[in-house]
Protein backbone atom coordinates (compact mmCIF):
# COMPACT_ATOMS: atom_id res chain seq x y z
CA MET A 1 15.47 18.94 21.77
CA TRP A 2 16.70 17.53 18.34
CA LEU A 3 19.61 15.84 17.55
CA PHE A 4 22.06 18.32 16.07
CA PHE A 5 20.44 21.13 17.73
CA ASP A 6 22.91 23.77 19.70
CA GLN A 7 22.08 23.70 23.00
CA ALA A 8 19.66 26.25 24.71
CA ALA A 9 21.43 28.75 27.17
CA CYS A 10 19.25 29.89 29.77
CA PRO A 11 19.45 33.21 31.04
CA VAL A 12 19.89 33.97 34.59
CA ASP A 13 16.87 35.61 35.10
CA PRO A 14 13.64 34.62 35.00
CA SER A 15 12.53 36.15 31.21
CA PRO A 16 10.56 35.20 29.02
CA ALA A 17 12.66 33.66 26.52
CA LEU A 18 12.71 30.95 29.81
CA PHE A 19 9.35 30.02 28.91
CA ALA A 20 9.38 30.46 24.98
CA HIS A 21 12.55 28.84 23.21
CA ASN A 22 13.01 27.64 19.96
CA TRP A 23 14.26 24.53 19.99
CA GLY A 24 15.16 24.61 16.33
CA ALA A 25 13.49 22.55 13.33
CA ALA A 26 11.84 19.47 13.43
CA PRO A 27 13.64 17.05 11.56
CA SER A 28 10.78 15.67 9.61
CA SER A 29 8.77 18.85 9.02
CA GLY A 30 11.33 21.24 9.14
CA LEU A 31 9.50 23.68 10.84
CA ASP A 32 10.73 25.10 14.14
CA THR A 33 9.80 23.87 17.78
CA VAL A 34 8.98 27.10 19.39
CA GLY A 35 7.47 27.16 23.05
CA SER A 36 8.44 26.27 26.86
CA ILE A 37 10.14 22.79 28.14
CA HIS A 38 6.77 21.74 29.71
CA ALA A 39 5.25 22.54 26.27
CA GLU A 40 7.37 20.86 23.82
CA VAL A 41 9.88 18.89 25.80
CA VAL A 42 8.27 17.06 28.42
CA PRO A 43 5.12 15.36 26.94
CA LYS A 44 7.58 13.62 24.60
CA TRP A 45 9.52 12.81 27.35
CA LEU A 46 6.68 11.55 28.88
CA ASP A 47 5.35 9.36 25.64
CA VAL A 48 8.51 7.22 25.95
CA PHE A 49 8.62 7.06 29.45
CA ASN A 50 4.98 6.00 29.88
CA GLY A 51 5.01 3.81 26.81
CA SER A 52 6.42 0.43 26.17
CA TYR A 53 10.38 0.99 24.91
CA THR A 54 13.16 -0.80 24.09
CA LEU A 55 16.05 -0.02 25.81
CA SER A 56 20.01 -0.27 24.50
CA CYS A 57 23.42 1.08 25.57
CA ASN A 58 25.39 3.42 22.98
CA THR A 59 23.73 2.58 19.75
CA PRO A 60 20.67 5.19 18.71
CA GLN A 61 17.67 2.69 17.72
CA THR A 62 15.35 4.36 15.52
CA GLY A 63 12.05 3.61 12.82
CA GLY A 64 12.68 4.58 9.43
CA ALA A 65 14.00 8.20 9.38
CA SER A 66 15.24 10.18 6.11
CA TYR A 67 17.33 12.00 7.89
CA ASN A 68 20.94 11.54 10.16
CA THR A 69 19.82 9.77 13.37
CA SER A 70 23.15 8.86 14.34
CA TRP A 71 25.06 9.62 18.05
CA PRO A 72 26.65 13.06 17.04
CA ALA A 73 30.74 12.94 16.72
CA ILE A 74 31.63 15.46 19.51
CA TYR A 75 30.14 13.33 21.72
CA ALA A 76 31.72 9.93 21.03
CA ASN A 77 33.56 9.13 24.38
CA ILE A 78 29.98 9.82 25.84
CA ASN A 79 28.40 6.67 26.84
CA PHE A 80 24.48 6.80 26.45
CA TYR A 81 21.46 4.90 26.49
CA SER A 82 19.09 4.62 23.72
CA LEU A 83 14.99 4.67 25.12
CA TYR A 84 13.27 3.40 21.28
CA LYS A 85 8.95 3.73 21.50
CA PRO A 86 8.17 2.13 18.28
CA GLY A 87 4.75 3.88 16.37
CA PRO A 88 1.28 2.30 16.92
CA THR A 89 0.37 -0.08 13.88
CA GLY A 90 -0.76 1.65 11.16
CA ASN A 91 1.64 5.03 12.06
CA GLU A 92 4.90 3.30 12.13
CA ASN A 93 6.75 6.77 11.56
CA SER A 94 5.56 8.31 14.60
CA TRP A 95 8.47 6.37 16.66
CA ARG A 96 10.36 8.47 19.19
CA THR A 97 13.68 7.93 20.63
CA LEU A 98 15.36 9.72 23.49
CA LEU A 99 18.93 9.30 23.83
CA VAL A 100 20.32 9.76 27.21
CA GLY A 101 24.16 10.54 28.04
């Protein structure tokens, strides 16, 4: 879920681990994001797709951040789209970027 989090491995059997996963530390708060893909990831995707976003290629578009928002070097040879949804007026730091590669 988060940019530099290791990929999630899905178990073969439908165990509770499939529905409650630790997605890693959120970059702004540092708190672990724990929950199902439906509870934690899908709402963030929908927030971007259902909002007004800017589309670009091979350049991560972001709002202000105190952490690294670059595309990881390990994926340098992979092209990607950046969908950037700015935060609302008065809460500009609540922007979202979805990178799809």
